[in-house]
């Protein structure tokens, strides 16, 4: 891993009109919108500032309102953070999409995906204004970022990190997370991590588990990964850990899709290695008759599968990275 340099935080860090000095911890409620009755809609932010200068790292979760594993990761992270043994500033946002979180849906009330509209527009739609406020009040004030996600509804992901690896500092973050699988992806236009990276704030995402629930293994891996990043950034004193295996770097992935409607009998699980031509699943009709066999197009590793067996033509079955 190449050594990199990074900027230091200033004596006073301001967020949501709240000024926080070194050595202080603060809980801030940042106004991002308003209800029909003109009451403010706020999101909770926890800022932990070390006594010594260092980088400013943001950790966000629930950009998609139903992807809640990151909430538990950030709860653990806040609990384990201390001003005494930390350098720099840790900015924790456990619930970015507070309105989607309330209704346990992926989207904001106007039906838009918040993670497609960064950096936002102060004169745009509800989602664009929401994104603009959050991006300018929080993200642009940081030096590095980690965005926590799960698979979308009806899918499950094995833990992996995604980042735009040609950026040296993004690669540094991705390797520092010490996750066994790293996907080299620029990210979708308008996504938080791509926009932040393009604005000079190197950002990665951690994907693990499924939406709508906490999963112990996924959350513990996430906590361990964020702490490892903080140690590599010299924000925390590095502790001795078992040496992590060299990660698998992946560029090419493919969603395998159903060609016929029916009920899928999956023959593979997330985390399994499959050979070219290996049977992935059998599609059957309501009478139990086999209508389609689905095979792997190449040797690969399964990083995601569906959790519901009912499919229509074109529905994704599993996500495979090419080996």
Protein backbone atom coordinates (compact mmCIF):
# COMPACT_ATOMS: atom_id res chain seq x y z
CA UNK A 1 0.00 0.00 0.00
CA UNK A 2 1.40 3.38 -1.03
CA UNK A 3 1.82 6.08 1.61
CA UNK A 4 -0.26 9.20 1.09
CA UNK A 5 -0.44 12.62 2.67
CA UNK A 6 -3.60 14.28 3.89
CA UNK A 7 -4.73 17.65 5.21
CA UNK A 8 -5.43 18.42 8.86
CA UNK A 9 -8.60 19.71 10.48
CA UNK A 10 -8.73 23.24 11.89
CA UNK A 11 -9.22 24.23 15.54
CA UNK A 12 -12.96 24.76 15.01
CA UNK A 13 -15.23 22.56 12.89
CA UNK A 14 -18.62 24.02 11.97
CA UNK A 15 -21.65 22.07 10.85
CA UNK A 16 -25.29 23.16 10.87
CA UNK A 17 -24.33 26.51 12.50
CA UNK A 18 -22.74 24.54 15.36
CA UNK A 19 -19.06 25.15 16.11
CA UNK A 20 -17.17 22.23 17.64
CA UNK A 21 -13.66 22.57 19.06
CA UNK A 22 -10.93 20.00 19.24
CA UNK A 23 -11.48 17.47 22.01
CA UNK A 24 -15.28 17.91 21.93
CA UNK A 25 -18.12 15.61 20.91
CA UNK A 26 -21.38 17.06 19.65
CA UNK A 27 -24.74 15.83 18.42
CA UNK A 28 -26.13 18.07 15.68
CA UNK A 29 -29.58 18.02 14.06
CA UNK A 30 -29.13 19.38 10.55
CA UNK A 31 -32.23 20.76 8.84
CA UNK A 32 -32.56 19.35 5.33
CA UNK A 33 -36.20 20.05 4.45
CA UNK A 34 -39.66 20.83 5.84
CA UNK A 35 -42.93 18.96 6.34
CA UNK A 36 -46.33 19.98 4.93
CA UNK A 37 -46.92 21.87 8.17
CA UNK A 38 -43.68 23.87 7.75
CA UNK A 39 -41.89 22.03 10.56
CA UNK A 40 -38.22 21.34 9.97
CA UNK A 41 -37.00 17.91 8.90
CA UNK A 42 -33.60 17.22 10.47
CA UNK A 43 -31.04 14.45 10.32
CA UNK A 44 -28.88 13.44 13.31
CA UNK A 45 -25.11 13.88 13.05
CA UNK A 46 -22.50 12.93 15.63
CA UNK A 47 -19.14 14.70 15.49
CA UNK A 48 -16.22 13.31 17.49
CA UNK A 49 -13.15 15.55 17.52
CA UNK A 50 -9.80 14.35 18.74
CA UNK A 51 -7.50 16.58 20.76
CA UNK A 52 -4.79 16.34 18.09
CA UNK A 53 -5.13 17.55 14.48
CA UNK A 54 -5.77 15.02 11.74
CA UNK A 55 -8.00 14.20 8.77
CA UNK A 56 -11.78 14.71 8.69
CA UNK A 57 -13.54 11.43 7.85
CA UNK A 58 -17.27 11.13 7.21
CA UNK A 59 -19.13 7.84 7.64
CA UNK A 60 -22.68 7.82 6.24
CA UNK A 61 -25.49 5.28 6.20
CA UNK A 62 -29.09 4.97 4.98
CA UNK A 63 -28.71 7.06 1.86
CA UNK A 64 -31.29 4.49 0.77
CA UNK A 65 -33.96 4.55 3.45
CA UNK A 66 -34.37 0.77 3.87
CA UNK A 67 -30.65 -0.13 3.95
CA UNK A 68 -30.17 -0.04 7.69
CA UNK A 69 -27.14 -2.23 8.47
CA UNK A 70 -25.04 0.93 8.45
CA UNK A 71 -27.02 2.34 11.38
CA UNK A 72 -25.73 -0.43 13.62
CA UNK A 73 -22.20 0.01 12.27
CA UNK A 74 -22.21 3.70 13.11
CA UNK A 75 -23.77 3.09 16.54
CA UNK A 76 -20.84 0.77 17.33
CA UNK A 77 -18.38 3.23 15.86
CA UNK A 78 -19.65 6.11 18.01
CA UNK A 79 -19.61 3.90 21.11
CA UNK A 80 -15.97 2.92 20.46
CA UNK A 81 -14.79 6.46 19.64
CA UNK A 82 -13.10 8.68 22.18
CA UNK A 83 -11.66 12.17 22.02
CA UNK A 84 -8.70 11.03 24.11
CA UNK A 85 -7.32 8.43 21.71
CA UNK A 86 -8.36 10.03 18.43
CA UNK A 87 -6.70 12.51 16.09
CA UNK A 88 -8.70 14.48 13.57
CA UNK A 89 -12.47 14.58 13.21
CA UNK A 90 -14.99 11.77 12.75
CA UNK A 91 -18.36 12.82 11.28
CA UNK A 92 -21.01 10.10 11.69
CA UNK A 93 -24.37 10.31 9.91
CA UNK A 94 -26.35 7.16 10.78
CA UNK A 95 -29.44 8.16 8.77
CA UNK A 96 -28.97 10.39 5.71
CA UNK A 97 -32.35 9.69 4.12
CA UNK A 98 -34.46 10.29 7.22
CA UNK A 99 -37.77 10.40 5.31
CA UNK A 100 -37.11 7.08 3.58
CA UNK A 101 -36.02 5.67 6.95
CA UNK A 102 -39.33 6.69 8.54
CA UNK A 103 -41.31 4.82 5.89
CA UNK A 104 -38.70 2.06 5.37
CA UNK A 105 -38.53 2.72 1.66
CA UNK A 106 -35.54 3.27 -0.60
CA UNK A 107 -36.72 6.63 -1.92
CA UNK A 108 -37.65 10.12 -0.79
CA UNK A 109 -41.36 11.13 -0.83
CA UNK A 110 -41.12 12.51 -4.38
CA UNK A 111 -40.21 9.00 -5.60
CA UNK A 112 -36.59 9.81 -6.41
CA UNK A 113 -33.43 7.97 -5.41
CA UNK A 114 -31.32 10.36 -3.32
CA UNK A 115 -28.17 8.52 -4.43
CA UNK A 116 -28.64 9.70 -8.01
CA UNK A 117 -28.91 13.45 -7.36
CA UNK A 118 -25.68 14.60 -5.67
CA UNK A 119 -24.41 17.31 -5.45
CA UNK A 120 -28.00 18.53 -5.73
CA UNK A 121 -29.60 21.81 -6.69
CA UNK A 122 -30.80 24.49 -4.23
CA UNK A 123 -33.61 25.42 -6.65
CA UNK A 124 -34.59 21.93 -7.79
CA UNK A 125 -36.91 19.16 -6.65
CA UNK A 126 -37.27 18.00 -3.05
CA UNK A 127 -34.57 15.39 -3.62
CA UNK A 128 -32.21 17.83 -5.34
CA UNK A 129 -32.57 20.39 -2.55
CA UNK A 130 -32.12 17.68 0.11
CA UNK A 131 -28.96 16.45 -1.63
CA UNK A 132 -27.60 19.98 -2.02
CA UNK A 133 -28.05 20.86 1.65
CA UNK A 134 -26.48 17.64 2.90
CA UNK A 135 -23.60 17.68 0.44
CA UNK A 136 -22.63 21.28 1.16
CA UNK A 137 -23.21 21.23 4.92
CA UNK A 138 -21.42 17.92 5.54
CA UNK A 139 -19.55 16.26 2.67
CA UNK A 140 -17.53 19.19 1.29
CA UNK A 141 -16.17 19.88 4.78
CA UNK A 142 -14.51 16.47 4.98
CA UNK A 143 -11.29 15.02 3.56
CA UNK A 144 -12.30 11.36 3.15
CA UNK A 145 -15.52 9.36 3.18
CA UNK A 146 -17.04 5.92 3.71
CA UNK A 147 -20.64 5.33 2.62
CA UNK A 148 -22.38 2.24 4.04
CA UNK A 149 -24.89 0.25 1.97
CA UNK A 150 -26.64 -3.11 1.70
CA UNK A 151 -28.15 -4.89 -1.26
CA UNK A 152 -31.45 -3.55 -2.53
CA UNK A 153 -34.81 -5.05 -1.62
CA UNK A 154 -35.02 -8.78 -2.37
CA UNK A 155 -31.24 -9.29 -2.61
CA UNK A 156 -28.33 -10.06 -0.32
CA UNK A 157 -24.64 -9.06 -0.72
CA UNK A 158 -21.50 -10.58 0.73
CA UNK A 159 -19.24 -7.92 2.33
CA UNK A 160 -17.21 -6.04 -0.27
CA UNK A 161 -15.85 -2.56 -0.96
CA UNK A 162 -16.34 -0.45 -4.08
CA UNK A 163 -14.23 2.46 -5.21
CA UNK A 164 -12.71 4.26 -8.20
CA UNK A 165 -9.28 2.68 -7.79
CA UNK A 166 -7.32 4.76 -10.34
CA UNK A 167 -7.58 7.52 -7.71
CA UNK A 168 -4.62 6.86 -5.40
CA UNK A 169 -6.40 8.00 -2.22
CA UNK A 170 -9.53 5.99 -3.05
CA UNK A 171 -7.36 2.92 -3.50
CA UNK A 172 -5.66 3.70 -0.18
CA UNK A 173 -9.05 3.77 1.58
CA UNK A 174 -10.24 0.60 -0.15
CA UNK A 175 -7.12 -1.35 0.79
CA UNK A 176 -7.15 0.09 4.32
CA UNK A 177 -10.68 -1.28 4.89
CA UNK A 178 -9.11 -4.77 4.66
CA UNK A 179 -12.13 -6.32 2.98
CA UNK A 180 -11.46 -9.53 1.00
CA UNK A 181 -13.16 -8.23 -2.19
CA UNK A 182 -12.65 -4.81 -3.80
CA UNK A 183 -14.64 -3.79 -6.88
CA UNK A 184 -13.00 -1.20 -9.08
CA UNK A 185 -16.03 0.88 -10.01
CA UNK A 186 -16.34 4.60 -10.73
CA UNK A 187 -19.88 4.65 -9.40
CA UNK A 188 -23.18 5.78 -10.87
CA UNK A 189 -23.43 9.42 -11.90
CA UNK A 190 -25.05 11.41 -9.09
CA UNK A 191 -24.11 8.90 -6.41
CA UNK A 192 -22.62 10.22 -3.19
CA UNK A 193 -19.29 8.44 -3.48
CA UNK A 194 -18.68 9.31 -7.16
CA UNK A 195 -19.65 12.95 -6.68
CA UNK A 196 -17.56 13.30 -3.52
CA UNK A 197 -14.55 11.71 -5.22
CA UNK A 198 -14.90 14.00 -8.23
CA UNK A 199 -15.05 16.98 -5.85
CA UNK A 200 -11.71 15.96 -4.31
CA UNK A 201 -13.06 13.97 -1.33
CA UNK A 202 -11.93 10.35 -1.87
CA UNK A 203 -14.82 8.07 -0.93
CA UNK A 204 -15.53 4.33 -0.92
CA UNK A 205 -18.65 2.33 -0.17
CA UNK A 206 -19.03 -0.80 1.91
CA UNK A 207 -21.73 -3.19 0.70
CA UNK A 208 -22.94 -6.01 2.93
CA UNK A 209 -26.12 -7.87 3.80
CA UNK A 210 -29.70 -7.11 2.84
CA UNK A 211 -32.14 -4.28 3.40
CA UNK A 212 -34.59 -3.94 6.26
CA UNK A 213 -32.61 -5.73 8.97
CA UNK A 214 -29.45 -5.79 11.07
CA UNK A 215 -27.04 -8.65 10.35
CA UNK A 216 -24.33 -9.30 12.91
CA UNK A 217 -21.58 -10.55 10.59
CA UNK A 218 -22.07 -7.71 8.10
CA UNK A 219 -22.13 -5.03 10.80
CA UNK A 220 -19.11 -6.36 12.68
CA UNK A 221 -17.10 -6.54 9.46
CA UNK A 222 -18.14 -2.95 8.76
CA UNK A 223 -17.08 -1.69 12.19
CA UNK A 224 -13.75 -3.47 11.91
CA UNK A 225 -13.21 -2.02 8.43
CA UNK A 226 -13.95 1.59 9.37
CA UNK A 227 -11.67 1.35 12.41
CA UNK A 228 -8.93 -0.11 10.18
CA UNK A 229 -9.27 2.90 7.85
CA UNK A 230 -9.00 5.27 10.81
CA UNK A 231 -5.86 3.48 11.95
CA UNK A 232 -4.29 3.78 8.49
CA UNK A 233 -5.19 7.49 8.45
CA UNK A 234 -3.43 7.84 11.85
CA UNK A 235 -6.70 8.90 13.45
CA UNK A 236 -6.44 6.04 15.94
CA UNK A 237 -3.50 4.19 17.38
CA UNK A 238 -2.98 1.07 15.29
CA UNK A 239 -3.46 -2.17 17.18
CA UNK A 240 -2.03 -5.51 16.26
CA UNK A 241 -4.46 -7.52 14.14
CA UNK A 242 -4.09 -10.80 12.29
CA UNK A 243 -2.60 -9.90 8.93
CA UNK A 244 -5.39 -9.58 6.39
CA UNK A 245 -5.20 -11.69 3.26
CA UNK A 246 -4.42 -9.89 0.04
CA UNK A 247 -7.75 -8.65 -1.32
CA UNK A 248 -9.26 -9.80 -4.58
CA UNK A 249 -9.42 -6.83 -6.97
CA UNK A 250 -12.28 -7.10 -9.45
CA UNK A 251 -13.18 -5.03 -12.51
CA UNK A 252 -15.64 -7.16 -14.44
CA UNK A 253 -19.01 -8.20 -13.02
CA UNK A 254 -22.31 -9.31 -14.48
CA UNK A 255 -25.88 -9.67 -13.28
CA UNK A 256 -27.26 -13.01 -14.45
CA UNK A 257 -30.92 -12.58 -15.37
CA UNK A 258 -33.93 -14.82 -15.86
CA UNK A 259 -35.11 -15.33 -19.44
CA UNK A 260 -38.41 -16.88 -18.37
CA UNK A 261 -40.95 -16.14 -15.66
CA UNK A 262 -41.45 -18.61 -12.83
CA UNK A 263 -39.95 -19.77 -9.55
CA UNK A 264 -36.17 -20.06 -9.27
CA UNK A 265 -34.54 -22.98 -7.48
CA UNK A 266 -31.11 -21.46 -6.79
CA UNK A 267 -28.20 -23.88 -6.69
CA UNK A 268 -25.61 -21.40 -5.40
CA UNK A 269 -25.13 -19.06 -2.44
CA UNK A 270 -23.36 -15.72 -1.99
CA UNK A 271 -19.63 -16.24 -1.54
CA UNK A 272 -19.41 -19.41 -3.64
CA UNK A 273 -17.01 -19.80 -6.56
CA UNK A 274 -18.62 -21.11 -9.74
CA UNK A 275 -17.14 -22.65 -12.88
CA UNK A 276 -17.98 -21.68 -16.44
CA UNK A 277 -21.15 -23.48 -17.44
CA UNK A 278 -22.03 -24.44 -13.85
CA UNK A 279 -25.75 -24.62 -13.09
CA UNK A 280 -26.84 -21.56 -11.11
CA UNK A 281 -30.54 -22.24 -10.88
CA UNK A 282 -33.56 -23.94 -12.39
CA UNK A 283 -36.65 -21.96 -13.35
CA UNK A 284 -39.92 -23.87 -12.91
CA UNK A 285 -43.53 -22.99 -13.65
CA UNK A 286 -46.42 -23.18 -11.12
CA UNK A 287 -46.86 -26.90 -11.93
CA UNK A 288 -43.25 -27.64 -11.04
CA UNK A 289 -42.17 -28.26 -14.63
CA UNK A 290 -38.67 -27.12 -15.49
CA UNK A 291 -38.78 -24.32 -18.07
CA UNK A 292 -35.22 -22.98 -18.05
CA UNK A 293 -31.75 -23.88 -16.77
CA UNK A 294 -29.49 -20.92 -15.91
CA UNK A 295 -25.73 -21.43 -16.15
CA UNK A 296 -22.69 -19.28 -15.34
CA UNK A 297 -21.15 -17.59 -18.41
CA UNK A 298 -17.66 -17.78 -16.88
CA UNK A 299 -15.63 -18.73 -13.81
CA UNK A 300 -16.52 -16.31 -11.07
CA UNK A 301 -17.42 -15.49 -7.50
CA UNK A 302 -21.04 -14.94 -6.47
CA UNK A 303 -21.29 -11.68 -4.50
CA UNK A 304 -25.07 -11.27 -4.51
CA UNK A 305 -28.22 -13.33 -5.02
CA UNK A 306 -31.94 -12.73 -4.87
CA UNK A 307 -33.80 -13.62 -1.67
CA UNK A 308 -37.22 -14.05 -3.32
CA UNK A 309 -37.55 -17.00 -5.73
CA UNK A 310 -40.33 -15.46 -7.86
CA UNK A 311 -39.06 -13.87 -11.09
CA UNK A 312 -40.17 -12.42 -14.41
CA UNK A 313 -38.09 -12.29 -17.61
CA UNK A 314 -35.20 -9.88 -17.10
CA UNK A 315 -35.19 -10.06 -13.30
CA UNK A 316 -31.68 -10.45 -11.81
CA UNK A 317 -30.83 -13.81 -10.28
CA UNK A 318 -27.28 -13.35 -9.02
CA UNK A 319 -24.32 -10.99 -9.34
CA UNK A 320 -21.03 -12.63 -10.34
CA UNK A 321 -17.53 -11.14 -10.44
CA UNK A 322 -15.27 -12.59 -13.11
CA UNK A 323 -12.16 -14.39 -11.91
